[in-house]
Structures are given as structure tokens and as C-alpha cells.
Amino acid sequence: MQLSLDGFVAGPNGEMDWMTWNWGDDIKAYVNAITDPIDTILLGGHMPEGFVGHWKNVAANPEDEGNAFGKKMYDTHKVVFTKTMTESKWENTVLAKGDIVEEVNNLKNQQGSDIITYGGAGFASSLIKHNLIDEYQLFINPTIIGSGMAIFKDVAEKLNLKLVKATPFNCGVVALMYEK
């Protein structure tokens, strides 16, 4: 999850123009290393249109430098958590319409590799609130935005996490990896 230095994942109206995107090879290699072992991507109900569409376009363009990563994101099995959609219109994507705790725990108990989440803010907040995240990968951007959407706002009890590593990148982003 990308965060501003003051802890927001988006501006008050969902703005993401504050994020650092002049990524070098160091941060790209880090992201590839954490996504290589995944076989499932969890998305909130507002994410799949932009997420799947974007990675489908990247994967379809062999000239795009992110083509291999795009294929990984597009081809990986995705689960969209929604209360309103009745069917998935995206390839490699199914809907989860039940209780979030039951659905996520069922996915965690299945055979397979790692599961990763690509938000939105509300979905990430729900996962955090219900203590469903085993490992946090927080990408702290060197920007303070003052207000916006937070993912830790619904935490009712203190969560003690263990810092596994902190990795600074040339672009100014710092990745913080925490485990429960």
C-alpha cells in the first residue's frame, strides 16, 4: 500500500497525484520480489475496472517495459469483494459476496502461494479492522498531503507489529515490511 508520510493512501477526494512514480530499478526489483510468489489478488469492489483494465493493456503491449509485470497482474487469479455486483465481467476474476472474515480465511486456508491485496482504502481498512493481514508492505512516499483517506482509522484495538525490514529507494520512497 502506498502511503503519504502523514499516513494517507489518497487525498480527500481519492487524489493520487502525490505519489512518487519515478521508480528506478531498485524499487521495481523489490515489487517484483514480493509479487512473484503470489497466486491470488484481492480487490475491493471499486478497484477491478481500473486495475484489470490497466494491466490488460500493459500485458497486451510487448513494447511496454512493464509487460512482464502486467502479464503477472492480469493473469493472476483475482477475487473482488463486493456487495453490489452480481457477476464478474473480467477474466481470471471471481466475486466474493459473503462475510469478509469468512471469505478471506477460506482463501488463506486453500492450497496455493501468497495472497496480495491491491485495495482500495475502504477494503484495506476492513481487512485491517478484522486483523486479516499477516504482512504489511507499506510504501512511504516523501510527501505530506495534510488530509485524505486513511486505512487505519477503524482499528479498535492496538495492533503490535514486528518490523521485518525497512528499505529506502533512490526515488525517496521507503518500504516498510511488518508482520503480525
N, C-alpha and C. Protein backbone atom coordinates (compact mmCIF):
# COMPACT_ATOMS: atom_id res chain seq x y z
N MET A 1 0.85 -1.17 0.00
CA MET A 1 0.00 0.00 0.00
C MET A 1 0.89 1.23 0.00
N GLN A 2 0.58 2.16 -0.86
CA GLN A 2 1.30 3.42 -0.91
C GLN A 2 0.69 4.38 0.13
N LEU A 3 1.53 5.01 0.91
CA LEU A 3 1.09 5.96 1.93
C LEU A 3 1.88 7.25 1.82
N SER A 4 1.21 8.35 2.13
CA SER A 4 1.94 9.61 2.28
C SER A 4 2.68 9.54 3.61
N LEU A 5 3.63 10.42 3.81
CA LEU A 5 4.40 10.45 5.05
C LEU A 5 3.49 10.65 6.26
N ASP A 6 2.37 11.33 6.06
CA ASP A 6 1.43 11.56 7.17
C ASP A 6 0.30 10.52 7.21
N GLY A 7 0.46 9.41 6.50
CA GLY A 7 -0.39 8.25 6.69
C GLY A 7 -1.64 8.13 5.84
N PHE A 8 -1.74 8.85 4.74
CA PHE A 8 -2.91 8.76 3.88
C PHE A 8 -2.61 7.95 2.62
N VAL A 9 -3.63 7.23 2.12
CA VAL A 9 -3.47 6.44 0.90
C VAL A 9 -4.01 7.16 -0.33
N ALA A 10 -4.75 8.22 -0.10
CA ALA A 10 -5.29 9.05 -1.18
C ALA A 10 -5.69 10.38 -0.56
N GLY A 11 -5.87 11.38 -1.41
CA GLY A 11 -6.36 12.67 -0.94
C GLY A 11 -7.82 12.55 -0.54
N PRO A 12 -8.43 13.63 -0.04
CA PRO A 12 -9.81 13.60 0.43
C PRO A 12 -10.82 13.15 -0.63
N ASN A 13 -10.51 13.41 -1.89
CA ASN A 13 -11.41 13.02 -2.99
C ASN A 13 -10.82 11.89 -3.83
N GLY A 14 -9.93 11.11 -3.23
CA GLY A 14 -9.31 10.00 -3.93
C GLY A 14 -8.09 10.36 -4.76
N GLU A 15 -7.60 11.59 -4.63
CA GLU A 15 -6.44 12.04 -5.43
C GLU A 15 -5.22 11.17 -5.12
N MET A 16 -4.51 10.84 -6.19
CA MET A 16 -3.29 10.06 -6.04
C MET A 16 -2.11 10.72 -6.76
N ASP A 17 -2.26 12.00 -7.04
CA ASP A 17 -1.23 12.73 -7.76
C ASP A 17 0.00 13.03 -6.92
N TRP A 18 -0.05 12.76 -5.65
CA TRP A 18 1.06 13.00 -4.73
C TRP A 18 2.06 11.84 -4.69
N MET A 19 1.69 10.70 -5.28
CA MET A 19 2.55 9.52 -5.23
C MET A 19 3.79 9.68 -6.09
N THR A 20 4.87 9.12 -5.63
CA THR A 20 6.13 9.14 -6.35
C THR A 20 6.14 7.99 -7.36
N TRP A 21 6.29 8.31 -8.64
CA TRP A 21 6.27 7.27 -9.67
C TRP A 21 7.53 7.23 -10.52
N ASN A 22 8.54 8.00 -10.16
CA ASN A 22 9.80 7.94 -10.92
C ASN A 22 10.65 6.80 -10.35
N TRP A 23 10.08 5.61 -10.39
CA TRP A 23 10.71 4.44 -9.80
C TRP A 23 11.91 3.99 -10.61
N GLY A 24 12.97 3.66 -9.88
CA GLY A 24 14.16 3.11 -10.50
C GLY A 24 14.14 1.59 -10.44
N ASP A 25 15.21 1.00 -10.91
CA ASP A 25 15.31 -0.46 -10.93
C ASP A 25 15.26 -1.06 -9.53
N ASP A 26 15.74 -0.32 -8.51
CA ASP A 26 15.77 -0.86 -7.16
C ASP A 26 14.36 -1.13 -6.61
N ILE A 27 13.47 -0.18 -6.75
CA ILE A 27 12.11 -0.38 -6.22
C ILE A 27 11.32 -1.35 -7.11
N LYS A 28 11.58 -1.31 -8.41
CA LYS A 28 10.90 -2.27 -9.31
C LYS A 28 11.28 -3.70 -8.95
N ALA A 29 12.55 -3.93 -8.66
CA ALA A 29 13.01 -5.27 -8.27
C ALA A 29 12.36 -5.70 -6.95
N TYR A 30 12.23 -4.77 -6.01
CA TYR A 30 11.59 -5.06 -4.73
C TYR A 30 10.13 -5.48 -4.93
N VAL A 31 9.40 -4.72 -5.73
CA VAL A 31 7.99 -5.03 -6.00
C VAL A 31 7.88 -6.37 -6.72
N ASN A 32 8.75 -6.63 -7.68
CA ASN A 32 8.73 -7.93 -8.36
C ASN A 32 8.97 -9.07 -7.38
N ALA A 33 9.88 -8.87 -6.43
CA ALA A 33 10.18 -9.93 -5.46
C ALA A 33 8.99 -10.23 -4.55
N ILE A 34 8.20 -9.21 -4.22
CA ILE A 34 7.04 -9.50 -3.35
C ILE A 34 5.84 -9.99 -4.14
N THR A 35 5.81 -9.74 -5.43
CA THR A 35 4.67 -10.21 -6.22
C THR A 35 4.94 -11.54 -6.94
N ASP A 36 6.19 -11.92 -7.11
CA ASP A 36 6.50 -13.18 -7.80
C ASP A 36 5.80 -14.39 -7.16
N PRO A 37 5.78 -14.53 -5.84
CA PRO A 37 5.18 -15.74 -5.27
C PRO A 37 3.66 -15.73 -5.12
N ILE A 38 2.99 -14.68 -5.56
CA ILE A 38 1.53 -14.62 -5.36
C ILE A 38 0.79 -15.46 -6.40
N ASP A 39 -0.36 -15.99 -5.97
CA ASP A 39 -1.24 -16.65 -6.94
C ASP A 39 -2.68 -16.15 -6.81
N THR A 40 -2.90 -15.18 -5.93
CA THR A 40 -4.23 -14.61 -5.75
C THR A 40 -4.10 -13.13 -5.41
N ILE A 41 -4.95 -12.31 -6.03
CA ILE A 41 -5.00 -10.87 -5.74
C ILE A 41 -6.40 -10.56 -5.22
N LEU A 42 -6.47 -9.88 -4.07
CA LEU A 42 -7.75 -9.43 -3.52
C LEU A 42 -7.96 -7.97 -3.88
N LEU A 43 -9.17 -7.65 -4.31
CA LEU A 43 -9.52 -6.28 -4.67
C LEU A 43 -10.85 -5.89 -4.03
N GLY A 44 -10.96 -4.63 -3.64
CA GLY A 44 -12.24 -4.10 -3.21
C GLY A 44 -13.11 -3.85 -4.44
N GLY A 45 -14.40 -3.68 -4.22
CA GLY A 45 -15.36 -3.57 -5.31
C GLY A 45 -15.18 -2.40 -6.25
N HIS A 46 -14.45 -1.35 -5.82
CA HIS A 46 -14.25 -0.18 -6.69
C HIS A 46 -12.98 -0.29 -7.53
N MET A 47 -12.18 -1.32 -7.30
CA MET A 47 -10.87 -1.42 -7.93
C MET A 47 -10.80 -2.14 -9.27
N PRO A 48 -11.60 -3.17 -9.53
CA PRO A 48 -11.29 -4.01 -10.69
C PRO A 48 -11.34 -3.32 -12.04
N GLU A 49 -12.24 -2.40 -12.23
CA GLU A 49 -12.36 -1.75 -13.54
C GLU A 49 -11.03 -1.13 -13.96
N GLY A 50 -10.48 -0.29 -13.12
CA GLY A 50 -9.22 0.36 -13.45
C GLY A 50 -8.04 -0.59 -13.37
N PHE A 51 -8.01 -1.43 -12.36
CA PHE A 51 -6.89 -2.34 -12.13
C PHE A 51 -6.77 -3.35 -13.27
N VAL A 52 -7.83 -4.11 -13.51
CA VAL A 52 -7.79 -5.15 -14.54
C VAL A 52 -7.59 -4.53 -15.92
N GLY A 53 -8.31 -3.45 -16.20
CA GLY A 53 -8.18 -2.79 -17.49
C GLY A 53 -6.77 -2.29 -17.75
N HIS A 54 -6.17 -1.67 -16.73
CA HIS A 54 -4.81 -1.15 -16.88
C HIS A 54 -3.82 -2.28 -17.18
N TRP A 55 -3.85 -3.34 -16.35
CA TRP A 55 -2.87 -4.41 -16.53
C TRP A 55 -3.13 -5.22 -17.79
N LYS A 56 -4.37 -5.28 -18.25
CA LYS A 56 -4.66 -5.96 -19.52
C LYS A 56 -3.98 -5.21 -20.66
N ASN A 57 -4.06 -3.88 -20.63
CA ASN A 57 -3.42 -3.07 -21.67
C ASN A 57 -1.90 -3.20 -21.63
N VAL A 58 -1.32 -3.18 -20.43
CA VAL A 58 0.14 -3.32 -20.30
C VAL A 58 0.57 -4.70 -20.80
N ALA A 59 -0.17 -5.73 -20.39
CA ALA A 59 0.17 -7.11 -20.79
C ALA A 59 0.07 -7.31 -22.30
N ALA A 60 -0.84 -6.59 -22.93
CA ALA A 60 -1.05 -6.74 -24.38
C ALA A 60 -0.03 -5.99 -25.21
N ASN A 61 0.78 -5.15 -24.59
CA ASN A 61 1.74 -4.33 -25.32
C ASN A 61 3.16 -4.82 -25.08
N PRO A 62 3.72 -5.60 -25.99
CA PRO A 62 5.07 -6.13 -25.79
C PRO A 62 6.14 -5.05 -25.75
N GLU A 63 5.81 -3.84 -26.21
CA GLU A 63 6.77 -2.74 -26.20
C GLU A 63 6.83 -2.05 -24.83
N ASP A 64 5.84 -2.28 -24.00
CA ASP A 64 5.78 -1.66 -22.67
C ASP A 64 6.83 -2.29 -21.77
N GLU A 65 7.64 -1.47 -21.09
CA GLU A 65 8.69 -2.02 -20.23
C GLU A 65 8.12 -2.81 -19.06
N GLY A 66 6.86 -2.57 -18.70
CA GLY A 66 6.21 -3.30 -17.62
C GLY A 66 5.41 -4.50 -18.10
N ASN A 67 5.65 -4.94 -19.34
CA ASN A 67 4.86 -6.01 -19.95
C ASN A 67 4.84 -7.29 -19.11
N ALA A 68 5.99 -7.75 -18.64
CA ALA A 68 6.03 -9.00 -17.87
C ALA A 68 5.26 -8.85 -16.56
N PHE A 69 5.44 -7.71 -15.90
CA PHE A 69 4.69 -7.46 -14.65
C PHE A 69 3.20 -7.35 -14.96
N GLY A 70 2.87 -6.71 -16.05
CA GLY A 70 1.47 -6.57 -16.45
C GLY A 70 0.82 -7.93 -16.68
N LYS A 71 1.55 -8.83 -17.32
CA LYS A 71 1.04 -10.19 -17.53
C LYS A 71 0.80 -10.88 -16.20
N LYS A 72 1.73 -10.72 -15.26
CA LYS A 72 1.57 -11.32 -13.94
C LYS A 72 0.29 -10.80 -13.28
N MET A 73 0.10 -9.49 -13.31
CA MET A 73 -1.08 -8.90 -12.66
C MET A 73 -2.37 -9.30 -13.36
N TYR A 74 -2.33 -9.34 -14.67
CA TYR A 74 -3.55 -9.68 -15.42
C TYR A 74 -3.89 -11.16 -15.33
N ASP A 75 -2.88 -12.02 -15.44
CA ASP A 75 -3.12 -13.46 -15.46
C ASP A 75 -3.40 -14.06 -14.09
N THR A 76 -3.00 -13.40 -13.03
CA THR A 76 -3.19 -13.94 -11.69
C THR A 76 -4.67 -13.93 -11.31
N HIS A 77 -5.09 -14.99 -10.65
CA HIS A 77 -6.47 -15.12 -10.16
C HIS A 77 -6.79 -13.95 -9.23
N LYS A 78 -7.94 -13.31 -9.47
CA LYS A 78 -8.36 -12.16 -8.66
C LYS A 78 -9.70 -12.46 -8.01
N VAL A 79 -9.85 -11.97 -6.76
CA VAL A 79 -11.10 -12.09 -6.03
C VAL A 79 -11.54 -10.68 -5.67
N VAL A 80 -12.72 -10.29 -6.15
CA VAL A 80 -13.27 -8.96 -5.89
C VAL A 80 -14.32 -9.07 -4.80
N PHE A 81 -14.13 -8.32 -3.72
CA PHE A 81 -15.08 -8.30 -2.62
C PHE A 81 -16.11 -7.22 -2.88
N THR A 82 -17.37 -7.65 -2.98
CA THR A 82 -18.44 -6.73 -3.36
C THR A 82 -19.76 -7.16 -2.74
N LYS A 83 -20.60 -6.19 -2.48
CA LYS A 83 -21.97 -6.46 -2.03
C LYS A 83 -22.96 -6.11 -3.14
N THR A 84 -22.50 -5.42 -4.18
CA THR A 84 -23.42 -4.91 -5.20
C THR A 84 -23.32 -5.61 -6.55
N MET A 85 -22.15 -6.08 -6.95
CA MET A 85 -22.00 -6.74 -8.25
C MET A 85 -22.65 -8.11 -8.21
N THR A 86 -23.22 -8.50 -9.34
CA THR A 86 -23.84 -9.82 -9.41
C THR A 86 -23.02 -10.81 -10.24
N GLU A 87 -22.14 -10.30 -11.10
CA GLU A 87 -21.26 -11.19 -11.87
C GLU A 87 -20.00 -10.45 -12.25
N SER A 88 -18.94 -11.22 -12.43
CA SER A 88 -17.66 -10.65 -12.83
C SER A 88 -17.61 -10.54 -14.35
N LYS A 89 -17.17 -9.39 -14.83
CA LYS A 89 -17.03 -9.23 -16.28
C LYS A 89 -15.56 -9.25 -16.70
N TRP A 90 -14.68 -9.64 -15.77
CA TRP A 90 -13.25 -9.65 -16.04
C TRP A 90 -12.73 -11.08 -16.05
N GLU A 91 -11.77 -11.32 -16.91
CA GLU A 91 -11.13 -12.64 -16.96
C GLU A 91 -10.32 -12.86 -15.69
N ASN A 92 -10.18 -14.12 -15.31
CA ASN A 92 -9.38 -14.50 -14.14
C ASN A 92 -9.88 -13.87 -12.85
N THR A 93 -11.15 -13.54 -12.79
CA THR A 93 -11.70 -12.80 -11.65
C THR A 93 -13.03 -13.41 -11.21
N VAL A 94 -13.15 -13.60 -9.89
CA VAL A 94 -14.40 -14.08 -9.30
C VAL A 94 -14.84 -13.08 -8.23
N LEU A 95 -16.11 -13.17 -7.85
CA LEU A 95 -16.65 -12.28 -6.83
C LEU A 95 -16.75 -13.01 -5.50
N ALA A 96 -16.48 -12.28 -4.43
CA ALA A 96 -16.70 -12.76 -3.06
C ALA A 96 -17.78 -11.86 -2.48
N LYS A 97 -18.93 -12.44 -2.15
CA LYS A 97 -20.06 -11.65 -1.70
C LYS A 97 -20.45 -11.92 -0.25
N GLY A 98 -19.75 -12.85 0.39
CA GLY A 98 -20.08 -13.22 1.76
C GLY A 98 -19.37 -12.36 2.78
N ASP A 99 -19.37 -12.84 4.01
CA ASP A 99 -18.70 -12.17 5.12
C ASP A 99 -17.20 -12.09 4.84
N ILE A 100 -16.62 -10.91 4.98
CA ILE A 100 -15.22 -10.70 4.62
C ILE A 100 -14.29 -11.60 5.43
N VAL A 101 -14.57 -11.78 6.73
CA VAL A 101 -13.71 -12.61 7.57
C VAL A 101 -13.74 -14.06 7.09
N GLU A 102 -14.92 -14.58 6.86
CA GLU A 102 -15.05 -15.96 6.38
C GLU A 102 -14.41 -16.14 5.01
N GLU A 103 -14.70 -15.21 4.11
CA GLU A 103 -14.17 -15.31 2.74
C GLU A 103 -12.64 -15.29 2.73
N VAL A 104 -12.04 -14.34 3.46
CA VAL A 104 -10.58 -14.23 3.47
C VAL A 104 -9.96 -15.44 4.15
N ASN A 105 -10.51 -15.87 5.28
CA ASN A 105 -9.96 -17.05 5.96
C ASN A 105 -10.08 -18.30 5.10
N ASN A 106 -11.17 -18.44 4.35
CA ASN A 106 -11.29 -19.57 3.42
C ASN A 106 -10.20 -19.53 2.36
N LEU A 107 -9.93 -18.35 1.82
CA LEU A 107 -8.87 -18.21 0.82
C LEU A 107 -7.50 -18.53 1.43
N LYS A 108 -7.26 -18.06 2.64
CA LYS A 108 -5.98 -18.31 3.31
C LYS A 108 -5.76 -19.79 3.59
N ASN A 109 -6.84 -20.53 3.80
CA ASN A 109 -6.75 -21.95 4.13
C ASN A 109 -6.66 -22.86 2.90
N GLN A 110 -6.81 -22.28 1.72
CA GLN A 110 -6.72 -23.08 0.49
C GLN A 110 -5.26 -23.35 0.15
N GLN A 111 -5.04 -24.40 -0.65
CA GLN A 111 -3.71 -24.68 -1.18
C GLN A 111 -3.29 -23.52 -2.07
N GLY A 112 -2.03 -23.24 -2.12
CA GLY A 112 -1.55 -22.21 -3.03
C GLY A 112 -0.42 -21.41 -2.44
N SER A 113 -0.10 -20.35 -3.15
CA SER A 113 1.00 -19.48 -2.75
C SER A 113 0.47 -18.28 -1.98
N ASP A 114 1.16 -17.17 -2.08
CA ASP A 114 0.80 -15.97 -1.34
C ASP A 114 -0.41 -15.26 -1.94
N ILE A 115 -1.07 -14.51 -1.09
CA ILE A 115 -2.19 -13.66 -1.48
C ILE A 115 -1.75 -12.22 -1.26
N ILE A 116 -2.09 -11.34 -2.19
CA ILE A 116 -1.76 -9.92 -2.05
C ILE A 116 -3.03 -9.11 -2.23
N THR A 117 -3.06 -7.96 -1.62
CA THR A 117 -4.22 -7.07 -1.73
C THR A 117 -3.81 -5.79 -2.43
N TYR A 118 -4.63 -5.35 -3.38
CA TYR A 118 -4.44 -4.06 -4.02
C TYR A 118 -5.68 -3.20 -3.81
N GLY A 119 -6.06 -2.97 -2.57
CA GLY A 119 -7.04 -2.01 -2.10
C GLY A 119 -8.33 -1.91 -2.85
N GLY A 120 -8.76 -0.86 -2.72
CA GLY A 120 -8.96 0.46 -2.22
C GLY A 120 -8.88 0.63 -0.71
N ALA A 121 -8.99 1.91 -0.36
CA ALA A 121 -8.84 2.33 1.02
C ALA A 121 -9.87 1.68 1.93
N GLY A 122 -11.13 1.68 1.54
CA GLY A 122 -12.18 1.09 2.37
C GLY A 122 -11.98 -0.41 2.56
N PHE A 123 -11.60 -1.09 1.49
CA PHE A 123 -11.37 -2.53 1.57
C PHE A 123 -10.17 -2.82 2.47
N ALA A 124 -9.08 -2.09 2.28
CA ALA A 124 -7.90 -2.27 3.13
C ALA A 124 -8.26 -2.01 4.59
N SER A 125 -9.05 -0.98 4.85
CA SER A 125 -9.48 -0.68 6.22
C SER A 125 -10.25 -1.85 6.82
N SER A 126 -11.10 -2.48 6.03
CA SER A 126 -11.87 -3.64 6.52
C SER A 126 -10.95 -4.81 6.86
N LEU A 127 -9.98 -5.07 6.01
CA LEU A 127 -9.03 -6.16 6.27
C LEU A 127 -8.24 -5.89 7.55
N ILE A 128 -7.81 -4.65 7.73
CA ILE A 128 -7.05 -4.28 8.92
C ILE A 128 -7.94 -4.36 10.16
N LYS A 129 -9.14 -3.83 10.07
CA LYS A 129 -10.08 -3.84 11.19
C LYS A 129 -10.31 -5.26 11.71
N HIS A 130 -10.42 -6.21 10.80
CA HIS A 130 -10.70 -7.60 11.17
C HIS A 130 -9.43 -8.43 11.35
N ASN A 131 -8.28 -7.76 11.39
CA ASN A 131 -6.98 -8.40 11.65
C ASN A 131 -6.72 -9.55 10.68
N LEU A 132 -6.98 -9.33 9.40
CA LEU A 132 -6.84 -10.36 8.37
C LEU A 132 -5.52 -10.28 7.61
N ILE A 133 -4.70 -9.31 7.94
CA ILE A 133 -3.44 -9.12 7.22
C ILE A 133 -2.29 -9.71 8.03
N ASP A 134 -1.51 -10.57 7.39
CA ASP A 134 -0.38 -11.22 8.06
C ASP A 134 0.92 -10.43 7.86
N GLU A 135 1.01 -9.73 6.73
CA GLU A 135 2.23 -8.99 6.40
C GLU A 135 1.85 -7.67 5.75
N TYR A 136 2.39 -6.60 6.26
CA TYR A 136 2.16 -5.27 5.70
C TYR A 136 3.37 -4.86 4.89
N GLN A 137 3.13 -4.44 3.65
CA GLN A 137 4.16 -3.84 2.81
C GLN A 137 3.71 -2.40 2.57
N LEU A 138 4.28 -1.48 3.32
CA LEU A 138 3.88 -0.07 3.26
C LEU A 138 4.96 0.72 2.53
N PHE A 139 4.57 1.39 1.46
CA PHE A 139 5.49 2.21 0.67
C PHE A 139 5.26 3.67 1.04
N ILE A 140 6.14 4.20 1.87
CA ILE A 140 6.00 5.56 2.38
C ILE A 140 6.60 6.53 1.37
N ASN A 141 5.74 7.40 0.83
CA ASN A 141 6.16 8.39 -0.15
C ASN A 141 6.64 9.65 0.56
N PRO A 142 7.61 10.34 0.01
CA PRO A 142 8.16 11.53 0.66
C PRO A 142 7.28 12.77 0.44
N THR A 143 6.02 12.63 0.80
CA THR A 143 5.05 13.70 0.58
C THR A 143 4.10 13.76 1.76
N ILE A 144 3.78 14.98 2.19
CA ILE A 144 2.78 15.21 3.22
C ILE A 144 1.60 15.88 2.53
N ILE A 145 0.41 15.29 2.66
CA ILE A 145 -0.76 15.85 1.97
C ILE A 145 -1.77 16.50 2.91
N GLY A 146 -1.60 16.34 4.23
CA GLY A 146 -2.43 17.07 5.19
C GLY A 146 -3.75 16.45 5.55
N SER A 147 -4.43 15.86 4.57
CA SER A 147 -5.71 15.19 4.84
C SER A 147 -5.99 14.21 3.72
N GLY A 148 -6.89 13.28 3.99
CA GLY A 148 -7.21 12.32 2.96
C GLY A 148 -7.80 11.05 3.52
N MET A 149 -7.68 9.99 2.74
CA MET A 149 -8.23 8.69 3.10
C MET A 149 -7.18 7.89 3.87
N ALA A 150 -7.58 7.40 5.05
CA ALA A 150 -6.69 6.62 5.89
C ALA A 150 -7.15 5.17 5.93
N ILE A 151 -6.22 4.26 6.10
CA ILE A 151 -6.60 2.84 6.16
C ILE A 151 -6.60 2.29 7.59
N PHE A 152 -6.07 3.04 8.54
CA PHE A 152 -6.00 2.55 9.91
C PHE A 152 -7.06 3.18 10.82
N LYS A 153 -8.01 3.88 10.26
CA LYS A 153 -8.99 4.64 11.04
C LYS A 153 -9.99 3.77 11.80
N ASP A 154 -10.22 2.54 11.37
CA ASP A 154 -11.22 1.68 12.00
C ASP A 154 -10.62 0.68 12.99
N VAL A 155 -9.34 0.81 13.29
CA VAL A 155 -8.70 -0.11 14.23
C VAL A 155 -9.24 0.18 15.62
N ALA A 156 -9.84 -0.83 16.24
CA ALA A 156 -10.45 -0.66 17.57
C ALA A 156 -9.47 -0.99 18.69
N GLU A 157 -8.53 -1.89 18.42
CA GLU A 157 -7.54 -2.29 19.42
C GLU A 157 -6.15 -2.17 18.83
N LYS A 158 -5.20 -1.94 19.71
CA LYS A 158 -3.81 -1.80 19.28
C LYS A 158 -3.35 -3.05 18.54
N LEU A 159 -2.66 -2.85 17.44
CA LEU A 159 -2.04 -3.94 16.69
C LEU A 159 -0.53 -3.83 16.86
N ASN A 160 0.06 -4.81 17.49
CA ASN A 160 1.52 -4.82 17.64
C ASN A 160 2.11 -5.57 16.46
N LEU A 161 2.94 -4.90 15.72
CA LEU A 161 3.57 -5.48 14.54
C LEU A 161 5.07 -5.55 14.74
N LYS A 162 5.71 -6.47 14.03
CA LYS A 162 7.16 -6.62 14.10
C LYS A 162 7.76 -6.12 12.79
N LEU A 163 8.67 -5.16 12.89
CA LEU A 163 9.36 -4.68 11.70
C LEU A 163 10.31 -5.76 11.21
N VAL A 164 10.13 -6.18 9.97
CA VAL A 164 10.98 -7.20 9.37
C VAL A 164 12.12 -6.53 8.62
N LYS A 165 11.77 -5.47 7.87
CA LYS A 165 12.83 -4.72 7.18
C LYS A 165 12.31 -3.36 6.74
N ALA A 166 13.24 -2.45 6.59
CA ALA A 166 12.98 -1.11 6.05
C ALA A 166 13.95 -0.91 4.90
N THR A 167 13.40 -0.57 3.73
CA THR A 167 14.23 -0.46 2.53
C THR A 167 14.03 0.89 1.87
N PRO A 168 15.05 1.76 1.90
CA PRO A 168 14.94 3.04 1.18
C PRO A 168 15.30 2.85 -0.30
N PHE A 169 14.63 3.62 -1.14
CA PHE A 169 14.88 3.56 -2.58
C PHE A 169 15.36 4.91 -3.08
N ASN A 170 16.05 4.91 -4.22
CA ASN A 170 16.61 6.12 -4.79
C ASN A 170 15.57 7.20 -5.08
N CYS A 171 14.33 6.81 -5.35
CA CYS A 171 13.28 7.79 -5.67
C CYS A 171 12.74 8.50 -4.42
N GLY A 172 13.18 8.09 -3.23
CA GLY A 172 12.73 8.72 -1.99
C GLY A 172 11.68 7.93 -1.24
N VAL A 173 11.11 6.91 -1.86
CA VAL A 173 10.15 6.04 -1.19
C VAL A 173 10.91 5.10 -0.26
N VAL A 174 10.28 4.78 0.89
CA VAL A 174 10.82 3.80 1.82
C VAL A 174 9.78 2.71 1.99
N ALA A 175 10.18 1.45 1.79
CA ALA A 175 9.29 0.32 2.00
C ALA A 175 9.50 -0.19 3.42
N LEU A 176 8.40 -0.31 4.15
CA LEU A 176 8.42 -0.87 5.49
C LEU A 176 7.64 -2.18 5.47
N MET A 177 8.30 -3.25 5.87
CA MET A 177 7.65 -4.56 5.91
C MET A 177 7.45 -4.96 7.36
N TYR A 178 6.18 -5.17 7.72
CA TYR A 178 5.83 -5.58 9.08
C TYR A 178 5.08 -6.90 9.03
N GLU A 179 5.22 -7.70 10.08
CA GLU A 179 4.44 -8.91 10.24
C GLU A 179 3.69 -8.86 11.56
N LYS A 180 2.62 -9.67 11.64
CA LYS A 180 1.88 -9.77 12.90
C LYS A 180 2.73 -10.47 13.92
